[in-house]
Amino acid sequence: MIVITGATGALNGATVDHLLDRLPASELVVVARDVSTAQRFADLGVAVRHGDFADPSTLPAAFDGADQLLLVSSSDPAGDATSLHRAAVDAAISAGVGRILYTSHQGTSPDTPFGPGRDHAATERMLADSGISWTSLRNGFYSHSLGWMIGPWRETGTFAIPADGPVSWTSRADEAEAAAIIIAAINADPALSSYDGPVTLTASAAPTFAEVAEIASEATGRTVTRVVMEPDEWVAAQIAAGRPEFVARFSLGMYQAADQGYFEGTDPLLATLLGREPLTVRAELSAPPIAH
C-alpha cells in the first residue's frame, strides 16, 4: 500500500494522478486534513483517510499499512515545519511504515540562508535516525514561482532582486511525474536501493537571474533588465509594496542562497526518469502567466 499526504495540493495531487496511470486505485491511500477536499480521489476508488500533522494523534491510523509513505513537506513560512515533520516521522515509526519518501529541496543544508533548506536538513536527519528506509526527493526550485519572484516584468521590462546566483528552476509537474515513477519502481522491487537517501531531481540548467533576463528578452522580443538592489533597500521596497516583512525576509533568504551557490547544481536523473528533457526556463517564460 502507498500512502500519500498532501494529495489535495498541486505537487502530490499530480503525483497521485500519475500513480493511477501505473497502479490500481486499491493500492493507494491519500491523507487529508479535510477528507471532503479529496473527494475526486475517492470517486476514482482511492481510499481517503483523515490525518493532520498538527494533530499527531490522527497520524498513526492514517499511515497504517503503508509500504511506502509519500510525506509532503510543510510549506507555511510562518509555521514550525520541523516539529510538524517530527510528528509525521514519529507516527510513521509507530505505524510500521516500510519506507518514507519526503519532498525535500535542492540546496538542503543547516547553513543555508533559505529557511526551508534548514528545515529540510533537520528532517533528513530525522529520517536518517528513524530506522526506516527513506528517500529524500531533493527537488529543484519550482519554476512556476519564477514569475512571482521577478514580478510584472512583461509590463515593466525590468525586475529588481537583492542578490543574484544560479538556480535550477524545475517544473513542479515534472517533479510530480518523477516521484510517481520512483514510487512505482520501488513498489515493483521493494529491495531497490538506488533511491535510498537523498535523490536530486533538477532541470538540466541553472541560469542566473541575469541570464533569466536574457532568456526573457529573447522569448518576448523586448529588452528585459535585471537590477540588483541592496538587501535592506529591497526588503523596504517589498514592505512598501504591501508585503509582510516576514515574507520579504523569507524571500530574501532564497536570493542569498542562490548567490551562495545552494541551487546551482544540476543532475541528469530527472531527464532520465522522464525520458525527455525537463521543462526549461525559456518554456516557462514563454507560457501565458498564471496566478500564484
Protein backbone atom coordinates (compact mmCIF):
# COMPACT_ATOMS: atom_id res chain seq x y z
CA MET A 1 0.00 0.00 0.00
CA ILE A 2 1.17 3.51 -0.87
CA VAL A 3 0.00 6.35 1.37
CA ILE A 4 0.28 9.92 0.08
CA THR A 5 -0.01 13.06 2.18
CA GLY A 6 -0.62 16.49 0.67
CA ALA A 7 -2.62 15.00 -2.21
CA THR A 8 -5.02 17.94 -2.21
CA GLY A 9 -2.08 20.17 -3.13
CA ALA A 10 -0.70 20.63 -6.64
CA LEU A 11 2.51 18.59 -6.27
CA ASN A 12 1.39 15.38 -4.58
CA GLY A 13 -2.03 15.58 -6.20
CA ALA A 14 -0.34 15.34 -9.58
CA THR A 15 1.82 12.51 -8.26
CA VAL A 16 -1.32 10.57 -7.34
CA ASP A 17 -2.69 11.16 -10.84
CA HIS A 18 0.49 9.72 -12.33
CA LEU A 19 0.40 6.78 -9.92
CA LEU A 20 -3.14 6.00 -11.03
CA ASP A 21 -1.75 5.57 -14.56
CA ARG A 22 0.62 2.93 -13.19
CA LEU A 23 -1.09 1.21 -10.28
CA PRO A 24 -4.62 0.16 -9.26
CA ALA A 25 -6.51 2.67 -7.15
CA SER A 26 -6.89 -0.02 -4.50
CA GLU A 27 -3.13 0.20 -3.79
CA LEU A 28 -3.30 3.91 -2.98
CA VAL A 29 -4.43 5.88 0.07
CA VAL A 30 -4.49 9.66 0.32
CA VAL A 31 -4.39 11.52 3.63
CA ALA A 32 -6.06 14.90 4.04
CA ARG A 33 -6.84 17.26 6.91
CA ASP A 34 -10.32 17.67 5.43
CA VAL A 35 -11.34 14.45 3.68
CA SER A 36 -14.03 16.29 1.68
CA THR A 37 -11.28 18.08 -0.27
CA ALA A 38 -10.04 14.71 -1.56
CA GLN A 39 -13.38 13.63 -2.99
CA ARG A 40 -12.04 13.45 -6.53
CA PHE A 41 -9.70 10.67 -5.46
CA ALA A 42 -12.45 8.85 -3.59
CA ASP A 43 -14.53 8.97 -6.79
CA LEU A 44 -11.67 7.15 -8.54
CA GLY A 45 -11.61 4.37 -5.93
CA VAL A 46 -8.72 5.70 -3.82
CA ALA A 47 -9.17 5.35 -0.06
CA VAL A 48 -9.18 8.67 1.77
CA ARG A 49 -8.12 8.96 5.41
CA HIS A 50 -8.09 11.86 7.83
CA GLY A 51 -4.68 12.98 9.04
CA ASP A 52 -3.23 16.27 10.23
CA PHE A 53 0.44 16.91 11.02
CA ALA A 54 -0.71 19.44 13.61
CA ASP A 55 -2.76 16.73 15.37
CA PRO A 56 -0.28 13.85 15.77
CA SER A 57 -2.93 11.56 17.27
CA THR A 58 -4.54 11.28 13.81
CA LEU A 59 -1.43 10.13 12.01
CA PRO A 60 -0.68 6.50 13.05
CA ALA A 61 -4.07 5.34 11.79
CA ALA A 62 -3.69 7.45 8.65
CA PHE A 63 -0.34 5.79 7.89
CA ASP A 64 -1.31 2.26 8.93
CA GLY A 65 -0.32 -0.45 6.48
CA ALA A 66 1.90 1.79 4.34
CA ASP A 67 4.66 0.01 2.46
CA GLN A 68 5.57 3.49 1.19
CA LEU A 69 4.61 6.87 2.62
CA LEU A 70 4.97 9.98 0.46
CA LEU A 71 5.39 12.71 3.04
CA VAL A 72 4.82 16.27 1.83
CA SER A 73 6.89 18.97 3.49
CA SER A 74 5.18 21.84 5.30
CA SER A 75 5.03 24.98 3.14
CA ASP A 76 3.94 27.53 5.75
CA PRO A 77 6.80 30.07 6.06
CA ALA A 78 5.47 31.15 9.46
CA GLY A 79 4.98 27.62 10.83
CA ASP A 80 7.27 25.27 12.72
CA ALA A 81 7.91 22.83 9.88
CA THR A 82 10.47 20.79 11.80
CA SER A 83 8.00 19.99 14.60
CA LEU A 84 5.30 19.05 12.10
CA HIS A 85 7.71 16.78 10.27
CA ARG A 86 8.82 15.22 13.56
CA ALA A 87 5.20 14.34 14.35
CA ALA A 88 4.83 12.69 10.94
CA VAL A 89 8.08 10.73 11.19
CA ASP A 90 7.25 9.55 14.72
CA ALA A 91 3.82 8.42 13.52
CA ALA A 92 5.39 6.56 10.61
CA ILE A 93 7.65 4.72 13.04
CA SER A 94 4.65 3.89 15.23
CA ALA A 95 2.66 2.66 12.23
CA GLY A 96 5.49 0.45 10.95
CA VAL A 97 5.82 2.21 7.60
CA GLY A 98 8.19 0.43 5.21
CA ARG A 99 9.70 3.48 3.50
CA ILE A 100 9.25 7.23 3.76
CA LEU A 101 9.66 9.36 0.65
CA TYR A 102 9.95 13.00 1.63
CA THR A 103 9.52 16.03 -0.65
CA SER A 104 12.71 17.92 0.10
CA HIS A 105 14.58 20.59 -1.84
CA GLN A 106 17.84 21.13 -3.62
CA GLY A 107 20.35 23.04 -1.51
CA THR A 108 19.29 21.39 1.74
CA SER A 109 21.77 22.38 4.43
CA PRO A 110 21.78 23.52 8.06
CA ASP A 111 23.82 26.54 6.91
CA THR A 112 21.71 27.81 4.01
CA PRO A 113 20.18 31.30 4.26
CA PHE A 114 16.97 29.78 2.83
CA GLY A 115 14.80 28.81 5.80
CA PRO A 116 13.09 25.77 4.24
CA GLY A 117 16.51 24.38 3.33
CA ARG A 118 17.39 24.31 7.04
CA ASP A 119 14.07 22.62 7.83
CA HIS A 120 14.71 20.02 5.14
CA ALA A 121 18.17 19.33 6.54
CA ALA A 122 16.71 18.77 10.00
CA THR A 123 14.02 16.48 8.58
CA GLU A 124 16.56 14.45 6.62
CA ARG A 125 18.49 13.95 9.87
CA MET A 126 15.26 12.68 11.46
CA LEU A 127 14.77 10.26 8.59
CA ALA A 128 18.35 9.01 8.79
CA ASP A 129 17.90 8.37 12.52
CA SER A 130 14.43 6.82 12.20
CA GLY A 131 15.46 3.27 11.34
CA ILE A 132 13.05 3.35 8.39
CA SER A 133 14.19 3.12 4.78
CA TRP A 134 13.93 6.60 3.34
CA THR A 135 14.20 8.61 0.18
CA SER A 136 14.53 12.39 0.11
CA LEU A 137 13.33 13.86 -3.16
CA ARG A 138 15.51 16.96 -3.42
CA ASN A 139 13.50 18.89 -5.97
CA GLY A 140 14.85 21.85 -7.86
CA PHE A 141 13.29 25.24 -7.18
CA TYR A 142 9.82 25.16 -8.73
CA SER A 143 9.87 27.14 -11.94
CA HIS A 144 6.28 28.37 -11.67
CA SER A 145 7.42 30.57 -8.78
CA LEU A 146 9.91 32.35 -11.04
CA GLY A 147 7.21 34.67 -12.37
CA TRP A 148 6.30 35.64 -8.82
CA MET A 149 9.94 36.17 -7.89
CA ILE A 150 10.64 38.58 -10.75
CA GLY A 151 7.29 40.37 -10.69
CA PRO A 152 5.43 42.03 -13.60
CA TRP A 153 8.43 42.02 -15.92
CA ARG A 154 6.24 41.68 -19.00
CA GLU A 155 4.72 45.10 -18.31
CA THR A 156 7.75 46.88 -16.88
CA GLY A 157 10.63 45.31 -18.82
CA THR A 158 12.63 45.07 -15.61
CA PHE A 159 12.84 43.23 -12.32
CA ALA A 160 14.73 44.02 -9.14
CA ILE A 161 16.32 41.46 -6.85
CA PRO A 162 18.52 41.68 -3.73
CA ALA A 163 21.17 39.15 -4.88
CA ASP A 164 21.90 37.03 -7.92
CA GLY A 165 23.02 33.46 -8.44
CA PRO A 166 22.26 30.30 -10.43
CA VAL A 167 19.02 28.40 -9.81
CA SER A 168 18.00 25.11 -11.42
CA TRP A 169 14.40 26.19 -11.99
CA THR A 170 12.42 22.95 -12.34
CA SER A 171 8.83 22.25 -13.33
CA ARG A 172 6.59 21.10 -10.48
CA ALA A 173 4.72 18.93 -12.98
CA ASP A 174 7.96 17.20 -13.96
CA GLU A 175 8.81 16.63 -10.28
CA ALA A 176 5.39 15.08 -9.64
CA GLU A 177 5.77 12.68 -12.55
CA ALA A 178 9.27 11.70 -11.45
CA ALA A 179 8.06 10.99 -7.91
CA ALA A 180 5.41 8.65 -9.29
CA ILE A 181 8.00 6.86 -11.43
CA ILE A 182 10.25 6.34 -8.40
CA ILE A 183 7.39 5.16 -6.18
CA ALA A 184 6.18 2.71 -8.84
CA ALA A 185 9.72 1.36 -9.29
CA ILE A 186 10.10 0.76 -5.55
CA ASN A 187 6.63 -0.79 -5.47
CA ALA A 188 7.74 -3.27 -8.11
CA ASP A 189 11.00 -4.00 -6.28
CA PRO A 190 10.90 -3.09 -2.56
CA ALA A 191 14.56 -4.08 -2.22
CA LEU A 192 15.58 -1.45 -4.79
CA SER A 193 18.40 0.56 -3.24
CA SER A 194 19.14 3.07 -6.00
CA TYR A 195 16.73 5.55 -4.39
CA ASP A 196 17.98 5.28 -0.83
CA GLY A 197 18.72 8.59 0.89
CA PRO A 198 18.89 11.92 -0.98
CA VAL A 199 17.83 11.87 -4.64
CA THR A 200 18.33 15.09 -6.61
CA LEU A 201 15.72 15.94 -9.25
CA THR A 202 16.52 19.13 -11.17
CA ALA A 203 16.26 20.67 -14.58
CA SER A 204 19.27 20.45 -16.84
CA ALA A 205 20.41 24.07 -16.45
CA ALA A 206 20.78 26.61 -13.65
CA PRO A 207 20.66 30.13 -15.08
CA THR A 208 21.44 33.20 -13.01
CA PHE A 209 18.80 35.92 -12.79
CA ALA A 210 20.90 37.94 -15.24
CA GLU A 211 20.62 35.02 -17.66
CA VAL A 212 16.89 34.77 -16.93
CA ALA A 213 16.59 38.39 -18.08
CA GLU A 214 18.39 37.48 -21.31
CA ILE A 215 16.11 34.47 -21.83
CA ALA A 216 13.03 36.62 -21.17
CA SER A 217 14.28 39.18 -23.69
CA GLU A 218 14.77 36.52 -26.34
CA ALA A 219 11.42 34.86 -25.57
CA THR A 220 9.41 38.09 -25.79
CA GLY A 221 11.39 40.13 -28.29
CA ARG A 222 11.75 43.06 -25.90
CA THR A 223 14.60 44.06 -23.62
CA VAL A 224 14.19 42.82 -20.06
CA THR A 225 16.67 44.13 -17.50
CA ARG A 226 17.71 42.70 -14.15
CA VAL A 227 18.58 45.19 -11.38
CA VAL A 228 20.35 44.20 -8.14
CA MET A 229 19.40 46.27 -5.09
CA GLU A 230 20.94 46.40 -1.64
CA PRO A 231 19.16 43.77 0.50
CA ASP A 232 17.81 46.23 3.09
CA GLU A 233 16.62 48.55 0.33
CA TRP A 234 14.93 45.63 -1.42
CA VAL A 235 13.19 44.47 1.77
CA ALA A 236 11.98 48.03 2.41
CA ALA A 237 10.60 48.22 -1.12
CA GLN A 238 8.78 44.92 -0.65
CA ILE A 239 7.21 46.14 2.59
CA ALA A 240 6.22 49.43 0.94
CA ALA A 241 4.50 47.42 -1.77
CA GLY A 242 2.35 45.73 0.86
CA ARG A 243 4.22 42.50 1.50
CA PRO A 244 4.56 41.46 5.17
CA GLU A 245 8.11 41.87 6.44
CA PHE A 246 8.49 38.19 7.39
CA VAL A 247 7.53 37.21 3.84
CA ALA A 248 10.04 39.68 2.36
CA ARG A 249 12.82 38.36 4.59
CA PHE A 250 11.82 34.77 3.81
CA SER A 251 12.21 35.58 0.10
CA LEU A 252 15.49 37.39 0.74
CA GLY A 253 16.92 34.14 2.09
CA MET A 254 16.18 32.44 -1.23
CA TYR A 255 18.10 35.05 -3.23
CA GLN A 256 21.00 34.93 -0.79
CA ALA A 257 21.12 31.14 -1.00
CA ALA A 258 21.21 31.41 -4.80
CA ASP A 259 24.05 33.91 -4.54
CA GLN A 260 25.95 31.45 -2.33
CA GLY A 261 25.50 28.59 -4.82
CA TYR A 262 22.98 26.42 -2.99
CA PHE A 263 20.78 25.99 -6.09
CA GLU A 264 23.44 25.81 -8.80
CA GLY A 265 23.79 22.03 -9.13
CA THR A 266 22.05 20.08 -11.86
CA ASP A 267 21.51 16.35 -12.15
CA PRO A 268 20.58 14.23 -15.20
CA LEU A 269 18.33 11.88 -13.20
CA LEU A 270 15.10 13.82 -13.78
CA ALA A 271 15.56 13.76 -17.55
CA THR A 272 16.44 10.06 -17.39
CA LEU A 273 13.31 9.23 -15.42
CA LEU A 274 11.05 11.28 -17.69
CA GLY A 275 12.67 10.04 -20.89
CA ARG A 276 12.82 13.63 -22.14
CA GLU A 277 14.31 16.97 -21.24
CA PRO A 278 12.57 18.68 -18.31
CA LEU A 279 10.75 21.95 -18.88
CA THR A 280 13.14 24.85 -19.43
CA VAL A 281 13.12 28.42 -18.14
CA ARG A 282 12.54 29.58 -21.72
CA ALA A 283 9.38 27.47 -21.93
CA GLU A 284 8.22 28.75 -18.53
CA LEU A 285 8.69 32.40 -19.50
CA SER A 286 7.13 31.88 -22.92
CA ALA A 287 3.95 30.42 -21.41
CA PRO A 288 0.99 32.68 -20.56
CA PRO A 289 1.29 33.98 -16.99
CA ILE A 290 -0.70 32.10 -14.34
CA ALA A 291 -1.98 33.11 -10.93
CA HIS A 292 0.23 32.08 -8.00
